Amino acid sequence: MAKEIAQANALIGAATADKLGLIAEQIRALQEQAREILEKARRDAVLHTAECRFQKIAGQTYHLYRKGEGEGAKRYFSMLSPDDWRGHPPDPFEGTYRVEADLSFTSVEEMAQRDARLSTARRLLGSGV
């Protein structure tokens, strides 16, 4: 009987350690997601301060340029891409962003991944899952 109790305690200890390890992995994943969300929020706040002489429309793509150097540099949005300037924009190009419905920004590099994620979510919601 003592041997069975010892085996049970060992199994319970191992199962508990496995479950706690899984929770630790989930915590690390959530911490990484939180870090990414905060970084994106900081970037969006900076992008919202960029000069824009037109009304931004959700779903449209705009191009960010920088005028000047260092702390005195000013960022501004343009509807014209570097290609529209035949590869020679008047100021250094910083990136292309799409304005989302929630007024966040998605960089051109992130667009395919975000669109795929939203498509999957819509498909799952549409199937009643």
C-alpha atoms as a PDB file:
ATOM      1  CA  MET A   1       0.000   0.000   0.000  1.00  0.00           C
ATOM      2  CA  ALA A   2       2.847   2.409   0.805  1.00  0.00           C
ATOM      3  CA  LYS A   3       4.339   1.672  -2.632  1.00  0.00           C
ATOM      4  CA  GLU A   4       1.025   2.544  -4.339  1.00  0.00           C
ATOM      5  CA  ILE A   5       0.756   5.794  -2.384  1.00  0.00           C
ATOM      6  CA  ALA A   6       4.327   6.718  -3.364  1.00  0.00           C
ATOM      7  CA  GLN A   7       3.583   5.986  -7.042  1.00  0.00           C
ATOM      8  CA  ALA A   8       0.360   8.008  -6.891  1.00  0.00           C
ATOM      9  CA  ASN A   9       2.195  10.939  -5.301  1.00  0.00           C
ATOM     10  CA  ALA A  10       4.873  10.766  -8.002  1.00  0.00           C
ATOM     11  CA  LEU A  11       2.244  10.707 -10.781  1.00  0.00           C
ATOM     12  CA  ILE A  12       0.298  13.575  -9.208  1.00  0.00           C
ATOM     13  CA  GLY A  13       3.521  15.573  -8.860  1.00  0.00           C
ATOM     14  CA  ALA A  14       4.453  14.956 -12.498  1.00  0.00           C
ATOM     15  CA  ALA A  15       0.955  15.830 -13.751  1.00  0.00           C
ATOM     16  CA  THR A  16       0.925  18.992 -11.644  1.00  0.00           C
ATOM     17  CA  ALA A  17       4.351  20.023 -12.940  1.00  0.00           C
ATOM     18  CA  ASP A  18       3.181  19.470 -16.543  1.00  0.00           C
ATOM     19  CA  LYS A  19       0.060  21.570 -15.989  1.00  0.00           C
ATOM     20  CA  LEU A  20       2.040  24.342 -14.325  1.00  0.00           C
ATOM     21  CA  GLY A  21       4.542  24.251 -17.200  1.00  0.00           C
ATOM     22  CA  LEU A  22       1.697  24.682 -19.683  1.00  0.00           C
ATOM     23  CA  ILE A  23       0.358  27.652 -17.702  1.00  0.00           C
ATOM     24  CA  ALA A  24       3.858  29.180 -17.635  1.00  0.00           C
ATOM     25  CA  GLU A  25       4.057  28.862 -21.455  1.00  0.00           C
ATOM     26  CA  GLN A  26       0.649  30.511 -21.798  1.00  0.00           C
ATOM     27  CA  ILE A  27       1.741  33.355 -19.521  1.00  0.00           C
ATOM     28  CA  ARG A  28       4.857  33.921 -21.655  1.00  0.00           C
ATOM     29  CA  ALA A  29       2.735  33.942 -24.821  1.00  0.00           C
ATOM     30  CA  LEU A  30       0.297  36.441 -23.270  1.00  0.00           C
ATOM     31  CA  GLN A  31       3.188  38.646 -22.139  1.00  0.00           C
ATOM     32  CA  GLU A  32       4.549  38.650 -25.706  1.00  0.00           C
ATOM     33  CA  GLN A  33       1.109  39.546 -27.085  1.00  0.00           C
ATOM     34  CA  ALA A  34       0.799  42.372 -24.556  1.00  0.00           C
ATOM     35  CA  ARG A  35       4.245  43.683 -25.547  1.00  0.00           C
ATOM     36  CA  GLU A  36       3.284  43.635 -29.241  1.00  0.00           C
ATOM     37  CA  ILE A  37      -0.009  45.431 -28.527  1.00  0.00           C
ATOM     38  CA  LEU A  38       1.782  48.141 -26.541  1.00  0.00           C
ATOM     39  CA  GLU A  39       4.433  48.619 -29.249  1.00  0.00           C
ATOM     40  CA  LYS A  40       1.744  48.934 -31.925  1.00  0.00           C
ATOM     41  CA  ALA A  41      -0.219  51.414 -29.787  1.00  0.00           C
ATOM     42  CA  ARG A  42       2.939  53.550 -29.361  1.00  0.00           C
ATOM     43  CA  ARG A  43       3.606  53.434 -33.094  1.00  0.00           C
ATOM     44  CA  ASP A  44      -0.024  54.352 -33.867  1.00  0.00           C
ATOM     45  CA  ALA A  45       0.171  57.298 -31.470  1.00  0.00           C
ATOM     46  CA  VAL A  46       3.294  58.552 -33.249  1.00  0.00           C
ATOM     47  CA  LEU A  47       1.668  58.076 -36.663  1.00  0.00           C
ATOM     48  CA  HIS A  48      -1.396  60.044 -35.550  1.00  0.00           C
ATOM     49  CA  THR A  49       0.880  63.006 -34.814  1.00  0.00           C
ATOM     50  CA  ALA A  50       2.276  63.005 -38.363  1.00  0.00           C
ATOM     51  CA  GLU A  51       1.146  65.978 -40.413  1.00  0.00           C
ATOM     52  CA  CYS A  52      -1.677  65.151 -42.780  1.00  0.00           C
ATOM     53  CA  ARG A  53      -3.288  67.746 -45.055  1.00  0.00           C
ATOM     54  CA  PHE A  54      -6.197  65.541 -46.070  1.00  0.00           C
ATOM     55  CA  GLN A  55      -8.808  63.481 -44.280  1.00  0.00           C
ATOM     56  CA  LYS A  56      -7.606  59.929 -43.731  1.00  0.00           C
ATOM     57  CA  ILE A  57     -10.177  57.325 -44.785  1.00  0.00           C
ATOM     58  CA  ALA A  58     -10.354  53.841 -43.284  1.00  0.00           C
ATOM     59  CA  GLY A  59      -9.190  51.227 -45.754  1.00  0.00           C
ATOM     60  CA  GLN A  60      -6.978  53.642 -47.691  1.00  0.00           C
ATOM     61  CA  THR A  61      -3.204  53.416 -47.886  1.00  0.00           C
ATOM     62  CA  TYR A  62      -0.946  56.395 -47.210  1.00  0.00           C
ATOM     63  CA  HIS A  63       2.784  56.944 -47.411  1.00  0.00           C
ATOM     64  CA  LEU A  64       4.883  58.403 -44.594  1.00  0.00           C
ATOM     65  CA  TYR A  65       7.806  60.724 -45.287  1.00  0.00           C
ATOM     66  CA  ARG A  66      10.253  62.575 -43.033  1.00  0.00           C
ATOM     67  CA  LYS A  67      11.306  66.165 -43.543  1.00  0.00           C
ATOM     68  CA  GLY A  68      14.490  67.114 -41.713  1.00  0.00           C
ATOM     69  CA  GLU A  69      16.831  65.225 -39.435  1.00  0.00           C
ATOM     70  CA  GLY A  70      17.148  64.487 -35.727  1.00  0.00           C
ATOM     71  CA  GLU A  71      14.723  65.770 -33.124  1.00  0.00           C
ATOM     72  CA  GLY A  72      13.519  68.554 -35.389  1.00  0.00           C
ATOM     73  CA  ALA A  73      12.375  66.104 -38.051  1.00  0.00           C
ATOM     74  CA  LYS A  74       8.710  66.268 -39.062  1.00  0.00           C
ATOM     75  CA  ARG A  75       6.807  63.298 -40.377  1.00  0.00           C
ATOM     76  CA  TYR A  76       3.960  63.704 -42.818  1.00  0.00           C
ATOM     77  CA  PHE A  77       1.560  61.528 -44.770  1.00  0.00           C
ATOM     78  CA  SER A  78       1.164  61.745 -48.515  1.00  0.00           C
ATOM     79  CA  MET A  79      -1.122  60.023 -50.985  1.00  0.00           C
ATOM     80  CA  LEU A  80       1.868  59.727 -53.317  1.00  0.00           C
ATOM     81  CA  SER A  81       4.100  56.678 -53.056  1.00  0.00           C
ATOM     82  CA  PRO A  82       7.818  56.700 -53.854  1.00  0.00           C
ATOM     83  CA  ASP A  83       6.911  55.123 -57.223  1.00  0.00           C
ATOM     84  CA  ASP A  84       4.629  58.081 -57.961  1.00  0.00           C
ATOM     85  CA  TRP A  85       7.741  60.233 -57.576  1.00  0.00           C
ATOM     86  CA  ARG A  86       9.528  57.888 -60.014  1.00  0.00           C
ATOM     87  CA  GLY A  87      11.662  56.636 -57.158  1.00  0.00           C
ATOM     88  CA  HIS A  88      12.833  60.116 -56.138  1.00  0.00           C
ATOM     89  CA  PRO A  89      10.488  61.477 -53.465  1.00  0.00           C
ATOM     90  CA  PRO A  90      11.197  64.977 -52.135  1.00  0.00           C
ATOM     91  CA  ASP A  91      11.905  63.630 -48.641  1.00  0.00           C
ATOM     92  CA  PRO A  92      13.050  60.318 -47.150  1.00  0.00           C
ATOM     93  CA  PHE A  93      10.335  57.642 -47.284  1.00  0.00           C
ATOM     94  CA  GLU A  94       9.521  55.946 -43.970  1.00  0.00           C
ATOM     95  CA  GLY A  95       6.777  53.469 -44.840  1.00  0.00           C
ATOM     96  CA  THR A  96       3.337  52.738 -46.208  1.00  0.00           C
ATOM     97  CA  TYR A  97       0.367  52.315 -43.879  1.00  0.00           C
ATOM     98  CA  ARG A  98      -3.306  51.476 -44.211  1.00  0.00           C
ATOM     99  CA  VAL A  99      -5.758  53.212 -41.891  1.00  0.00           C
ATOM    100  CA  GLU A 100      -8.059  50.655 -40.271  1.00  0.00           C
ATOM    101  CA  ALA A 101     -11.681  51.124 -39.211  1.00  0.00           C
ATOM    102  CA  ASP A 102     -10.570  51.474 -35.572  1.00  0.00           C
ATOM    103  CA  LEU A 103      -8.138  54.235 -36.705  1.00  0.00           C
ATOM    104  CA  SER A 104      -5.108  52.059 -36.071  1.00  0.00           C
ATOM    105  CA  PHE A 105      -2.441  51.704 -38.747  1.00  0.00           C
ATOM    106  CA  THR A 106      -1.247  48.561 -40.495  1.00  0.00           C
ATOM    107  CA  SER A 107       2.110  48.672 -42.249  1.00  0.00           C
ATOM    108  CA  VAL A 108       2.311  47.277 -45.764  1.00  0.00           C
ATOM    109  CA  GLU A 109       4.447  44.435 -44.360  1.00  0.00           C
ATOM    110  CA  GLU A 110       1.697  43.467 -41.885  1.00  0.00           C
ATOM    111  CA  MET A 111      -1.281  43.756 -44.268  1.00  0.00           C
ATOM    112  CA  ALA A 112      -1.372  40.188 -45.624  1.00  0.00           C
ATOM    113  CA  GLN A 113      -1.090  38.659 -42.147  1.00  0.00           C
ATOM    114  CA  ARG A 114      -3.791  40.941 -40.699  1.00  0.00           C
ATOM    115  CA  ASP A 115      -6.129  40.339 -43.645  1.00  0.00           C
ATOM    116  CA  ALA A 116      -5.673  36.557 -43.344  1.00  0.00           C
ATOM    117  CA  ARG A 117      -6.368  36.690 -39.592  1.00  0.00           C
ATOM    118  CA  LEU A 118      -9.545  38.737 -40.143  1.00  0.00           C
ATOM    119  CA  SER A 119     -10.675  36.441 -42.950  1.00  0.00           C
ATOM    120  CA  THR A 120     -10.259  33.408 -40.715  1.00  0.00           C
ATOM    121  CA  ALA A 121     -12.180  35.100 -37.900  1.00  0.00           C
ATOM    122  CA  ARG A 122     -15.028  36.050 -40.263  1.00  0.00           C
ATOM    123  CA  ARG A 123     -15.154  32.512 -41.645  1.00  0.00           C
ATOM    124  CA  LEU A 124     -15.312  31.026 -38.143  1.00  0.00           C
ATOM    125  CA  LEU A 125     -17.988  33.479 -37.043  1.00  0.00           C
ATOM    126  CA  GLY A 126     -19.976  32.846 -40.207  1.00  0.00           C
ATOM    127  CA  SER A 127     -19.938  29.076 -39.660  1.00  0.00           C
ATOM    128  CA  GLY A 128     -21.550  29.433 -36.245  1.00  0.00           C
ATOM    129  CA  VAL A 129     -18.510  28.067 -34.426  1.00  0.00           C
END
